């Protein structure tokens, strides 16, 4: 039986979704500021906003996949970026596991 006082997997997923929505909103606002101020670029901010929205909404994710399927050069760049991000995440996970095992052996 689950303990109602402990946050479950649903709350962690909900926090991640909210965080992604906040990042999407932040980058969208920066993109709008970029439209108003000619010095600030707007396209990279709108792209980042779209990427964060694709993490939350399946319909945006499908539209992004269709776009990438139609534009192979963009798909290649996106895949390289995603692979670098994945490697960095796995490196971070490995490092935390090693630290945890070291702390466990020291106690």
PDB file of N, CA and C in Angstrom:
ATOM      1  N   UNK A   1       0.841  -1.175   0.000  1.00  0.00           N
ATOM      2  CA  UNK A   1       0.000   0.000   0.000  1.00  0.00           C
ATOM      3  C   UNK A   1       0.888   1.241   0.000  1.00  0.00           C
ATOM      4  N   UNK A   2       0.497   2.247  -0.728  1.00  0.00           N
ATOM      5  CA  UNK A   2       1.316   3.453  -0.818  1.00  0.00           C
ATOM      6  C   UNK A   2       1.015   4.386   0.341  1.00  0.00           C
ATOM      7  N   UNK A   3       2.021   5.135   0.721  1.00  0.00           N
ATOM      8  CA  UNK A   3       1.896   6.091   1.814  1.00  0.00           C
ATOM      9  C   UNK A   3       1.413   7.426   1.251  1.00  0.00           C
ATOM     10  N   UNK A   4       0.253   7.932   1.676  1.00  0.00           N
ATOM     11  CA  UNK A   4      -0.267   9.185   1.116  1.00  0.00           C
ATOM     12  C   UNK A   4       0.551  10.409   1.505  1.00  0.00           C
ATOM     13  N   UNK A   5       1.410  10.306   2.530  1.00  0.00           N
ATOM     14  CA  UNK A   5       2.208  11.464   2.938  1.00  0.00           C
ATOM     15  C   UNK A   5       3.424  11.656   2.039  1.00  0.00           C
ATOM     16  N   UNK A   6       3.864  10.598   1.365  1.00  0.00           N
ATOM     17  CA  UNK A   6       5.020  10.705   0.481  1.00  0.00           C
ATOM     18  C   UNK A   6       4.566  11.077  -0.922  1.00  0.00           C
ATOM     19  N   UNK A   7       5.302  11.986  -1.561  1.00  0.00           N
ATOM     20  CA  UNK A   7       4.917  12.330  -2.938  1.00  0.00           C
ATOM     21  C   UNK A   7       5.214  11.164  -3.859  1.00  0.00           C
ATOM     22  N   UNK A   8       4.275  10.855  -4.722  1.00  0.00           N
ATOM     23  CA  UNK A   8       4.434   9.730  -5.636  1.00  0.00           C
ATOM     24  C   UNK A   8       5.064  10.143  -6.944  1.00  0.00           C
ATOM     25  N   UNK A   9       5.068   9.202  -7.870  1.00  0.00           N
ATOM     26  CA  UNK A   9       5.648   9.449  -9.182  1.00  0.00           C
ATOM     27  C   UNK A   9       4.861  10.520  -9.935  1.00  0.00           C
ATOM     28  N   UNK A  10       3.558  10.598  -9.696  1.00  0.00           N
ATOM     29  CA  UNK A  10       2.714  11.570 -10.376  1.00  0.00           C
ATOM     30  C   UNK A  10       3.114  13.004 -10.064  1.00  0.00           C
ATOM     31  N   UNK A  11       3.482  13.276  -8.815  1.00  0.00           N
ATOM     32  CA  UNK A  11       3.850  14.640  -8.457  1.00  0.00           C
ATOM     33  C   UNK A  11       5.178  15.025  -9.098  1.00  0.00           C
ATOM     34  N   UNK A  12       6.077  14.070  -9.229  1.00  0.00           N
ATOM     35  CA  UNK A  12       7.360  14.357  -9.872  1.00  0.00           C
ATOM     36  C   UNK A  12       7.148  14.661 -11.354  1.00  0.00           C
ATOM     37  N   UNK A  13       6.279  13.881 -11.986  1.00  0.00           N
ATOM     38  CA  UNK A  13       5.970  14.121 -13.390  1.00  0.00           C
ATOM     39  C   UNK A  13       5.279  15.464 -13.562  1.00  0.00           C
ATOM     40  N   UNK A  14       4.367  15.773 -12.649  1.00  0.00           N
ATOM     41  CA  UNK A  14       3.653  17.047 -12.715  1.00  0.00           C
ATOM     42  C   UNK A  14       4.613  18.213 -12.559  1.00  0.00           C
ATOM     43  N   UNK A  15       5.566  18.099 -11.626  1.00  0.00           N
ATOM     44  CA  UNK A  15       6.554  19.168 -11.442  1.00  0.00           C
ATOM     45  C   UNK A  15       7.400  19.353 -12.688  1.00  0.00           C
ATOM     46  N   UNK A  16       7.773  18.240 -13.329  1.00  0.00           N
ATOM     47  CA  UNK A  16       8.571  18.314 -14.553  1.00  0.00           C
ATOM     48  C   UNK A  16       7.786  19.005 -15.665  1.00  0.00           C
ATOM     49  N   UNK A  17       6.508  18.661 -15.772  1.00  0.00           N
ATOM     50  CA  UNK A  17       5.652  19.298 -16.787  1.00  0.00           C
ATOM     51  C   UNK A  17       5.524  20.796 -16.543  1.00  0.00           C
ATOM     52  N   UNK A  18       5.300  21.163 -15.282  1.00  0.00           N
ATOM     53  CA  UNK A  18       5.165  22.584 -14.942  1.00  0.00           C
ATOM     54  C   UNK A  18       6.468  23.317 -15.228  1.00  0.00           C
ATOM     55  N   UNK A  19       7.590  22.673 -14.873  1.00  0.00           N
ATOM     56  CA  UNK A  19       8.890  23.295 -15.126  1.00  0.00           C
ATOM     57  C   UNK A  19       9.118  23.490 -16.621  1.00  0.00           C
ATOM     58  N   UNK A  20       8.761  22.489 -17.425  1.00  0.00           N
ATOM     59  CA  UNK A  20       8.911  22.622 -18.878  1.00  0.00           C
ATOM     60  C   UNK A  20       7.995  23.702 -19.428  1.00  0.00           C
ATOM     61  N   UNK A  21       6.776  23.802 -18.903  1.00  0.00           N
ATOM     62  CA  UNK A  21       5.870  24.865 -19.343  1.00  0.00           C
ATOM     63  C   UNK A  21       6.405  26.250 -18.968  1.00  0.00           C
ATOM     64  N   UNK A  22       6.985  26.359 -17.776  1.00  0.00           N
ATOM     65  CA  UNK A  22       7.564  27.640 -17.376  1.00  0.00           C
ATOM     66  C   UNK A  22       8.728  28.026 -18.278  1.00  0.00           C
ATOM     67  N   UNK A  23       9.590  27.050 -18.594  1.00  0.00           N
ATOM     68  CA  UNK A  23      10.703  27.340 -19.499  1.00  0.00           C
ATOM     69  C   UNK A  23      10.190  27.746 -20.881  1.00  0.00           C
ATOM     70  N   UNK A  24       9.149  27.051 -21.361  1.00  0.00           N
ATOM     71  CA  UNK A  24       8.571  27.388 -22.663  1.00  0.00           C
ATOM     72  C   UNK A  24       8.029  28.812 -22.641  1.00  0.00           C
ATOM     73  N   UNK A  25       7.333  29.173 -21.588  1.00  0.00           N
ATOM     74  CA  UNK A  25       6.806  30.535 -21.462  1.00  0.00           C
ATOM     75  C   UNK A  25       7.912  31.572 -21.392  1.00  0.00           C
ATOM     76  N   UNK A  26       8.974  31.257 -20.641  1.00  0.00           N
ATOM     77  CA  UNK A  26      10.111  32.172 -20.523  1.00  0.00           C
ATOM     78  C   UNK A  26      10.748  32.432 -21.886  1.00  0.00           C
ATOM     79  N   UNK A  27      11.007  31.364 -22.633  1.00  0.00           N
ATOM     80  CA  UNK A  27      11.633  31.542 -23.943  1.00  0.00           C
ATOM     81  C   UNK A  27      10.687  32.216 -24.932  1.00  0.00           C
ATOM     82  N   UNK A  28       9.385  31.966 -24.802  1.00  0.00           N
ATOM     83  CA  UNK A  28       8.423  32.634 -25.673  1.00  0.00           C
ATOM     84  C   UNK A  28       8.424  34.144 -25.405  1.00  0.00           C
ATOM     85  N   UNK A  29       8.445  34.519 -24.123  1.00  0.00           N
ATOM     86  CA  UNK A  29       8.490  35.945 -23.773  1.00  0.00           C
ATOM     87  C   UNK A  29       9.771  36.579 -24.308  1.00  0.00           C
ATOM     88  N   UNK A  30      10.895  35.877 -24.195  1.00  0.00           N
ATOM     89  CA  UNK A  30      12.142  36.409 -24.756  1.00  0.00           C
ATOM     90  C   UNK A  30      12.045  36.564 -26.271  1.00  0.00           C
ATOM     91  N   UNK A  31      11.348  35.641 -26.938  1.00  0.00           N
ATOM     92  CA  UNK A  31      11.144  35.761 -28.376  1.00  0.00           C
ATOM     93  C   UNK A  31      10.308  36.969 -28.732  1.00  0.00           C
ATOM     94  N   UNK A  32       9.268  37.234 -27.945  1.00  0.00           N
ATOM     95  CA  UNK A  32       8.432  38.418 -28.184  1.00  0.00           C
ATOM     96  C   UNK A  32       9.242  39.687 -27.946  1.00  0.00           C
ATOM     97  N   UNK A  33      10.072  39.692 -26.913  1.00  0.00           N
ATOM     98  CA  UNK A  33      10.953  40.840 -26.679  1.00  0.00           C
ATOM     99  C   UNK A  33      11.902  41.011 -27.860  1.00  0.00           C
ATOM    100  N   UNK A  34      12.361  39.891 -28.435  1.00  0.00           N
ATOM    101  CA  UNK A  34      13.228  39.952 -29.605  1.00  0.00           C
ATOM    102  C   UNK A  34      12.539  40.570 -30.807  1.00  0.00           C
ATOM    103  N   UNK A  35      11.228  40.361 -30.922  1.00  0.00           N
ATOM    104  CA  UNK A  35      10.488  41.002 -32.013  1.00  0.00           C
ATOM    105  C   UNK A  35      10.427  42.510 -31.789  1.00  0.00           C
ATOM    106  N   UNK A  36      10.222  42.913 -30.545  1.00  0.00           N
ATOM    107  CA  UNK A  36      10.083  44.336 -30.234  1.00  0.00           C
ATOM    108  C   UNK A  36      11.413  45.082 -30.272  1.00  0.00           C
ATOM    109  N   UNK A  37      12.485  44.434 -29.860  1.00  0.00           N
ATOM    110  CA  UNK A  37      13.813  45.053 -29.865  1.00  0.00           C
ATOM    111  C   UNK A  37      14.641  44.430 -30.983  1.00  0.00           C
ATOM    112  N   UNK A  38      15.081  45.226 -31.942  1.00  0.00           N
ATOM    113  CA  UNK A  38      15.804  44.655 -33.081  1.00  0.00           C
ATOM    114  C   UNK A  38      17.175  44.077 -32.729  1.00  0.00           C
ATOM    115  N   UNK A  39      17.701  44.397 -31.561  1.00  0.00           N
ATOM    116  CA  UNK A  39      19.032  43.913 -31.182  1.00  0.00           C
ATOM    117  C   UNK A  39      18.973  42.451 -30.737  1.00  0.00           C
ATOM    118  N   UNK A  40      17.867  42.054 -30.083  1.00  0.00           N
ATOM    119  CA  UNK A  40      17.729  40.713 -29.506  1.00  0.00           C
ATOM    120  C   UNK A  40      17.199  39.751 -30.574  1.00  0.00           C
ATOM    121  N   UNK A  41      17.853  38.599 -30.771  1.00  0.00           N
ATOM    122  CA  UNK A  41      17.329  37.630 -31.751  1.00  0.00           C
ATOM    123  C   UNK A  41      16.071  36.951 -31.210  1.00  0.00           C
ATOM    124  N   UNK A  42      15.134  36.657 -32.094  1.00  0.00           N
ATOM    125  CA  UNK A  42      13.899  36.033 -31.625  1.00  0.00           C
ATOM    126  C   UNK A  42      13.774  34.572 -32.032  1.00  0.00           C
ATOM    127  N   UNK A  43      14.332  34.181 -33.154  1.00  0.00           N
ATOM    128  CA  UNK A  43      14.138  32.827 -33.666  1.00  0.00           C
ATOM    129  C   UNK A  43      14.660  31.754 -32.701  1.00  0.00           C
ATOM    130  N   UNK A  44      15.882  31.878 -32.151  1.00  0.00           N
ATOM    131  CA  UNK A  44      16.343  30.833 -31.221  1.00  0.00           C
ATOM    132  C   UNK A  44      15.446  30.685 -29.994  1.00  0.00           C
ATOM    133  N   UNK A  45      14.889  31.789 -29.525  1.00  0.00           N
ATOM    134  CA  UNK A  45      14.020  31.719 -28.352  1.00  0.00           C
ATOM    135  C   UNK A  45      12.700  31.023 -28.683  1.00  0.00           C
ATOM    136  N   UNK A  46      12.151  31.293 -29.855  1.00  0.00           N
ATOM    137  CA  UNK A  46      10.916  30.603 -30.246  1.00  0.00           C
ATOM    138  C   UNK A  46      11.179  29.109 -30.465  1.00  0.00           C
ATOM    139  N   UNK A  47      12.336  28.767 -30.996  1.00  0.00           N
ATOM    140  CA  UNK A  47      12.680  27.349 -31.189  1.00  0.00           C
ATOM    141  C   UNK A  47      12.797  26.649 -29.828  1.00  0.00           C
ATOM    142  N   UNK A  48      13.471  27.297 -28.875  1.00  0.00           N
ATOM    143  CA  UNK A  48      13.590  26.696 -27.542  1.00  0.00           C
ATOM    144  C   UNK A  48      12.220  26.547 -26.889  1.00  0.00           C
ATOM    145  N   UNK A  49      11.359  27.536 -27.070  1.00  0.00           N
ATOM    146  CA  UNK A  49      10.008  27.449 -26.541  1.00  0.00           C
ATOM    147  C   UNK A  49       9.271  26.251 -27.139  1.00  0.00           C
ATOM    148  N   UNK A  50       9.415  26.068 -28.435  1.00  0.00           N
ATOM    149  CA  UNK A  50       8.774  24.936 -29.111  1.00  0.00           C
ATOM    150  C   UNK A  50       9.320  23.603 -28.597  1.00  0.00           C
ATOM    151  N   UNK A  51      10.622  23.522 -28.372  1.00  0.00           N
ATOM    152  CA  UNK A  51      11.207  22.282 -27.865  1.00  0.00           C
ATOM    153  C   UNK A  51      10.682  21.944 -26.474  1.00  0.00           C
ATOM    154  N   UNK A  52      10.566  22.939 -25.610  1.00  0.00           N
ATOM    155  CA  UNK A  52      10.034  22.671 -24.274  1.00  0.00           C
ATOM    156  C   UNK A  52       8.553  22.315 -24.327  1.00  0.00           C
ATOM    157  N   UNK A  53       7.808  22.939 -25.231  1.00  0.00           N
ATOM    158  CA  UNK A  53       6.396  22.577 -25.380  1.00  0.00           C
ATOM    159  C   UNK A  53       6.247  21.150 -25.896  1.00  0.00           C
ATOM    160  N   UNK A  54       7.191  20.711 -26.739  1.00  0.00           N
ATOM    161  CA  UNK A  54       7.111  19.351 -27.268  1.00  0.00           C
ATOM    162  C   UNK A  54       7.334  18.304 -26.179  1.00  0.00           C
ATOM    163  N   UNK A  55       7.972  18.695 -25.079  1.00  0.00           N
ATOM    164  CA  UNK A  55       8.152  17.774 -23.958  1.00  0.00           C
ATOM    165  C   UNK A  55       6.871  17.599 -23.156  1.00  0.00           C
ATOM    166  N   UNK A  56       5.926  18.525 -23.317  1.00  0.00           N
ATOM    167  CA  UNK A  56       4.699  18.492 -22.532  1.00  0.00           C
ATOM    168  C   UNK A  56       3.508  17.997 -23.349  1.00  0.00           C
ATOM    169  N   UNK A  57       3.376  18.478 -24.584  1.00  0.00           N
ATOM    170  CA  UNK A  57       2.197  18.192 -25.392  1.00  0.00           C
ATOM    171  C   UNK A  57       2.522  17.239 -26.539  1.00  0.00           C
ATOM    172  N   UNK A  58       1.842  16.098 -26.609  1.00  0.00           N
ATOM    173  CA  UNK A  58       2.095  15.131 -27.689  1.00  0.00           C
ATOM    174  C   UNK A  58       1.789  15.698 -29.077  1.00  0.00           C
ATOM    175  N   UNK A  59       0.813  16.569 -29.200  1.00  0.00           N
ATOM    176  CA  UNK A  59       0.487  17.123 -30.522  1.00  0.00           C
ATOM    177  C   UNK A  59       1.633  17.989 -31.045  1.00  0.00           C
ATOM    178  N   UNK A  60       2.278  18.742 -30.156  1.00  0.00           N
ATOM    179  CA  UNK A  60       3.436  19.553 -30.567  1.00  0.00           C
ATOM    180  C   UNK A  60       4.596  18.635 -30.923  1.00  0.00           C
ATOM    181  N   UNK A  61       4.750  17.552 -30.164  1.00  0.00           N
ATOM    182  CA  UNK A  61       5.821  16.590 -30.442  1.00  0.00           C
ATOM    183  C   UNK A  61       5.631  15.950 -31.820  1.00  0.00           C
ATOM    184  N   UNK A  62       4.383  15.591 -32.163  1.00  0.00           N
ATOM    185  CA  UNK A  62       4.108  15.015 -33.491  1.00  0.00           C
ATOM    186  C   UNK A  62       4.395  16.016 -34.601  1.00  0.00           C
ATOM    187  N   UNK A  63       4.005  17.269 -34.397  1.00  0.00           N
ATOM    188  CA  UNK A  63       4.261  18.306 -35.402  1.00  0.00           C
ATOM    189  C   UNK A  63       5.762  18.513 -35.582  1.00  0.00           C
ATOM    190  N   UNK A  64       6.514  18.467 -34.487  1.00  0.00           N
ATOM    191  CA  UNK A  64       7.963  18.617 -34.564  1.00  0.00           C
ATOM    192  C   UNK A  64       8.579  17.442 -35.323  1.00  0.00           C
ATOM    193  N   UNK A  65       8.096  16.236 -35.070  1.00  0.00           N
ATOM    194  CA  UNK A  65       8.604  15.062 -35.795  1.00  0.00           C
ATOM    195  C   UNK A  65       8.306  15.148 -37.285  1.00  0.00           C
ATOM    196  N   UNK A  66       7.097  15.607 -37.634  1.00  0.00           N
ATOM    197  CA  UNK A  66       6.763  15.780 -39.058  1.00  0.00           C
ATOM    198  C   UNK A  66       7.677  16.802 -39.705  1.00  0.00           C
ATOM    199  N   UNK A  67       7.921  17.904 -39.001  1.00  0.00           N
ATOM    200  CA  UNK A  67       8.818  18.931 -39.526  1.00  0.00           C
ATOM    201  C   UNK A  67      10.215  18.370 -39.742  1.00  0.00           C
ATOM    202  N   UNK A  68      10.712  17.629 -38.758  1.00  0.00           N
ATOM    203  CA  UNK A  68      12.060  17.063 -38.865  1.00  0.00           C
ATOM    204  C   UNK A  68      12.127  16.023 -39.980  1.00  0.00           C
ATOM    205  N   UNK A  69      11.044  15.303 -40.200  1.00  0.00           N
ATOM    206  CA  UNK A  69      11.019  14.320 -41.283  1.00  0.00           C
ATOM    207  C   UNK A  69      11.100  15.014 -42.643  1.00  0.00           C
ATOM    208  N   UNK A  70      10.474  16.170 -42.753  1.00  0.00           N
ATOM    209  CA  UNK A  70      10.495  16.918 -44.022  1.00  0.00           C
ATOM    210  C   UNK A  70      11.788  17.675 -44.245  1.00  0.00           C
ATOM    211  N   UNK A  71      12.541  17.958 -43.179  1.00  0.00           N
ATOM    212  CA  UNK A  71      13.776  18.742 -43.280  1.00  0.00           C
ATOM    213  C   UNK A  71      14.937  17.943 -42.671  1.00  0.00           C
ATOM    214  N   UNK A  72      15.594  17.110 -43.481  1.00  0.00           N
ATOM    215  CA  UNK A  72      16.626  16.213 -42.936  1.00  0.00           C
ATOM    216  C   UNK A  72      17.838  16.935 -42.342  1.00  0.00           C
ATOM    217  N   UNK A  73      18.208  18.093 -42.873  1.00  0.00           N
ATOM    218  CA  UNK A  73      19.358  18.811 -42.301  1.00  0.00           C
ATOM    219  C   UNK A  73      19.053  19.271 -40.876  1.00  0.00           C
ATOM    220  N   UNK A  74      17.853  19.770 -40.674  1.00  0.00           N
ATOM    221  CA  UNK A  74      17.449  20.179 -39.335  1.00  0.00           C
ATOM    222  C   UNK A  74      17.361  18.951 -38.414  1.00  0.00           C
ATOM    223  N   UNK A  75      16.890  17.846 -38.964  1.00  0.00           N
ATOM    224  CA  UNK A  75      16.770  16.619 -38.172  1.00  0.00           C
ATOM    225  C   UNK A  75      18.151  16.156 -37.707  1.00  0.00           C
ATOM    226  N   UNK A  76      19.140  16.273 -38.583  1.00  0.00           N
ATOM    227  CA  UNK A  76      20.499  15.860 -38.221  1.00  0.00           C
ATOM    228  C   UNK A  76      21.043  16.741 -37.089  1.00  0.00           C
ATOM    229  N   UNK A  77      20.844  18.045 -37.194  1.00  0.00           N
ATOM    230  CA  UNK A  77      21.307  18.965 -36.155  1.00  0.00           C
ATOM    231  C   UNK A  77      20.594  18.694 -34.840  1.00  0.00           C
ATOM    232  N   UNK A  78      19.288  18.467 -34.909  1.00  0.00           N
ATOM    233  CA  UNK A  78      18.504  18.179 -33.709  1.00  0.00           C
ATOM    234  C   UNK A  78      18.971  16.876 -33.071  1.00  0.00           C
ATOM    235  N   UNK A  79      19.265  15.862 -33.886  1.00  0.00           N
ATOM    236  CA  UNK A  79      19.726  14.574 -33.359  1.00  0.00           C
ATOM    237  C   UNK A  79      21.086  14.718 -32.673  1.00  0.00           C
ATOM    238  N   UNK A  80      21.985  15.494 -33.276  1.00  0.00           N
ATOM    239  CA  UNK A  80      23.290  15.723 -32.650  1.00  0.00           C
ATOM    240  C   UNK A  80      23.128  16.412 -31.297  1.00  0.00           C
ATOM    241  N   UNK A  81      22.266  17.422 -31.245  1.00  0.00           N
ATOM    242  CA  UNK A  81      22.025  18.145 -29.999  1.00  0.00           C
ATOM    243  C   UNK A  81      21.449  17.206 -28.942  1.00  0.00           C
ATOM    244  N   UNK A  82      20.501  16.374 -29.342  1.00  0.00           N
ATOM    245  CA  UNK A  82      19.860  15.441 -28.419  1.00  0.00           C
ATOM    246  C   UNK A  82      20.861  14.399 -27.901  1.00  0.00           C
ATOM    247  N   UNK A  83      21.741  13.912 -28.795  1.00  0.00           N
ATOM    248  CA  UNK A  83      22.748  12.929 -28.382  1.00  0.00           C
ATOM    249  C   UNK A  83      23.729  13.532 -27.384  1.00  0.00           C
ATOM    250  N   UNK A  84      24.143  14.773 -27.625  1.00  0.00           N
ATOM    251  CA  UNK A  84      25.053  15.432 -26.673  1.00  0.00           C
ATOM    252  C   UNK A  84      24.384  15.598 -25.315  1.00  0.00           C
ATOM    253  N   UNK A  85      23.120  15.973 -25.331  1.00  0.00           N
ATOM    254  CA  UNK A  85      22.377  16.143 -24.087  1.00  0.00           C
ATOM    255  C   UNK A  85      22.254  14.808 -23.350  1.00  0.00           C
ATOM    256  N   UNK A  86      21.989  13.727 -24.100  1.00  0.00           N
ATOM    257  CA  UNK A  86      21.851  12.399 -23.505  1.00  0.00           C
ATOM    258  C   UNK A  86      23.178  11.957 -22.881  1.00  0.00           C
ATOM    259  N   UNK A  87      24.289  12.171 -23.585  1.00  0.00           N
ATOM    260  CA  UNK A  87      25.597  11.791 -23.040  1.00  0.00           C
ATOM    261  C   UNK A  87      25.893  12.549 -21.756  1.00  0.00           C
ATOM    262  N   UNK A  88      25.580  13.835 -21.754  1.00  0.00           N
ATOM    263  CA  UNK A  88      25.822  14.645 -20.566  1.00  0.00           C
ATOM    264  C   UNK A  88      24.975  14.145 -19.395  1.00  0.00           C
ATOM    265  N   UNK A  89      23.716  13.790 -19.657  1.00  0.00           N
ATOM    266  CA  UNK A  89      22.826  13.298 -18.614  1.00  0.00           C
ATOM    267  C   UNK A  89      23.339  11.966 -18.058  1.00  0.00           C
ATOM    268  N   UNK A  90      23.770  11.055 -18.943  1.00  0.00           N
ATOM    269  CA  UNK A  90      24.277   9.757 -18.484  1.00  0.00           C
ATOM    270  C   UNK A  90      25.575   9.918 -17.696  1.00  0.00           C
ATOM    271  N   UNK A  91      26.400  10.860 -18.107  1.00  0.00           N
ATOM    272  CA  UNK A  91      27.637  11.119 -17.376  1.00  0.00           C
ATOM    273  C   UNK A  91      27.311  11.609 -15.960  1.00  0.00           C
ATOM    274  N   UNK A  92      26.324  12.484 -15.860  1.00  0.00           N
ATOM    275  CA  UNK A  92      25.901  13.003 -14.565  1.00  0.00           C
ATOM    276  C   UNK A  92      25.332  11.890 -13.683  1.00  0.00           C
ATOM    277  N   UNK A  93      24.553  10.998 -14.267  1.00  0.00           N
ATOM    278  CA  UNK A  93      23.963   9.885 -13.511  1.00  0.00           C
ATOM    279  C   UNK A  93      25.058   8.954 -13.007  1.00  0.00           C
ATOM    280  N   UNK A  94      26.025   8.637 -13.882  1.00  0.00           N
ATOM    281  CA  UNK A  94      27.132   7.771 -13.469  1.00  0.00           C
ATOM    282  C   UNK A  94      27.903   8.392 -12.310  1.00  0.00           C
ATOM    283  N   UNK A  95      28.154   9.697 -12.403  1.00  0.00           N
ATOM    284  CA  UNK A  95      28.906  10.393 -11.365  1.00  0.00           C
ATOM    285  C   UNK A  95      28.159  10.328 -10.028  1.00  0.00           C
ATOM    286  N   UNK A  96      26.840  10.528 -10.047  1.00  0.00           N
ATOM    287  CA  UNK A  96      26.054  10.483  -8.815  1.00  0.00           C
ATOM    288  C   UNK A  96      26.030   9.074  -8.229  1.00  0.00           C
ATOM    289  N   UNK A  97      25.978   8.054  -9.096  1.00  0.00           N
ATOM    290  CA  UNK A  97      25.989   6.670  -8.595  1.00  0.00           C
ATOM    291  C   UNK A  97      27.321   6.368  -7.928  1.00  0.00           C
ATOM    292  N   UNK A  98      28.425   6.813  -8.555  1.00  0.00           N
ATOM    293  CA  UNK A  98      29.745   6.588  -7.969  1.00  0.00           C
ATOM    294  C   UNK A  98      29.866   7.281  -6.619  1.00  0.00           C
ATOM    295  N   UNK A  99      29.359   8.512  -6.527  1.00  0.00           N
ATOM    296  CA  UNK A  99      29.400   9.234  -5.251  1.00  0.00           C
ATOM    297  C   UNK A  99      28.578   8.514  -4.193  1.00  0.00           C
ATOM    298  N   UNK A 100      27.438   7.984  -4.586  1.00  0.00           N
ATOM    299  CA  UNK A 100      26.586   7.274  -3.630  1.00  0.00           C
ATOM    300  C   UNK A 100      27.257   6.001  -3.143  1.00  0.00           C
ATOM    301  N   UNK A 101      27.911   5.269  -4.042  1.00  0.00           N
ATOM    302  CA  UNK A 101      28.585   4.041  -3.613  1.00  0.00           C
ATOM    303  C   UNK A 101      29.791   4.361  -2.735  1.00  0.00           C
ATOM    304  N   UNK A 102      30.493   5.466  -3.035  1.00  0.00           N
ATOM    305  CA  UNK A 102      31.611   5.856  -2.182  1.00  0.00           C
ATOM    306  C   UNK A 102      31.143   6.239  -0.797  1.00  0.00           C
ATOM    307  N   UNK A 103      30.037   6.980  -0.714  1.00  0.00           N
ATOM    308  CA  UNK A 103      29.504   7.356   0.592  1.00  0.00           C
ATOM    309  C   UNK A 103      29.022   6.133   1.351  1.00  0.00           C
ATOM    310  N   UNK A 104      28.441   5.181   0.637  1.00  0.00           N
ATOM    311  CA  UNK A 104      27.976   3.960   1.283  1.00  0.00           C
ATOM    312  C   UNK A 104      29.114   3.122   1.825  1.00  0.00           C
ATOM    313  N   UNK A 105      30.249   3.107   1.114  1.00  0.00           N
ATOM    314  CA  UNK A 105      31.382   2.308   1.587  1.00  0.00           C
ATOM    315  C   UNK A 105      32.136   3.008   2.705  1.00  0.00           C
ATOM    316  N   UNK A 106      32.015   4.334   2.821  1.00  0.00           N
ATOM    317  CA  UNK A 106      32.698   5.060   3.878  1.00  0.00           C
ATOM    318  C   UNK A 106      31.975   4.917   5.213  1.00  0.00           C
ATOM    319  N   UNK A 107      30.696   4.657   5.188  1.00  0.00           N
ATOM    320  CA  UNK A 107      29.926   4.579   6.445  1.00  0.00           C
ATOM    321  C   UNK A 107      30.059   3.265   7.128  1.00  0.00           C
TER     322      UNK A 107
END
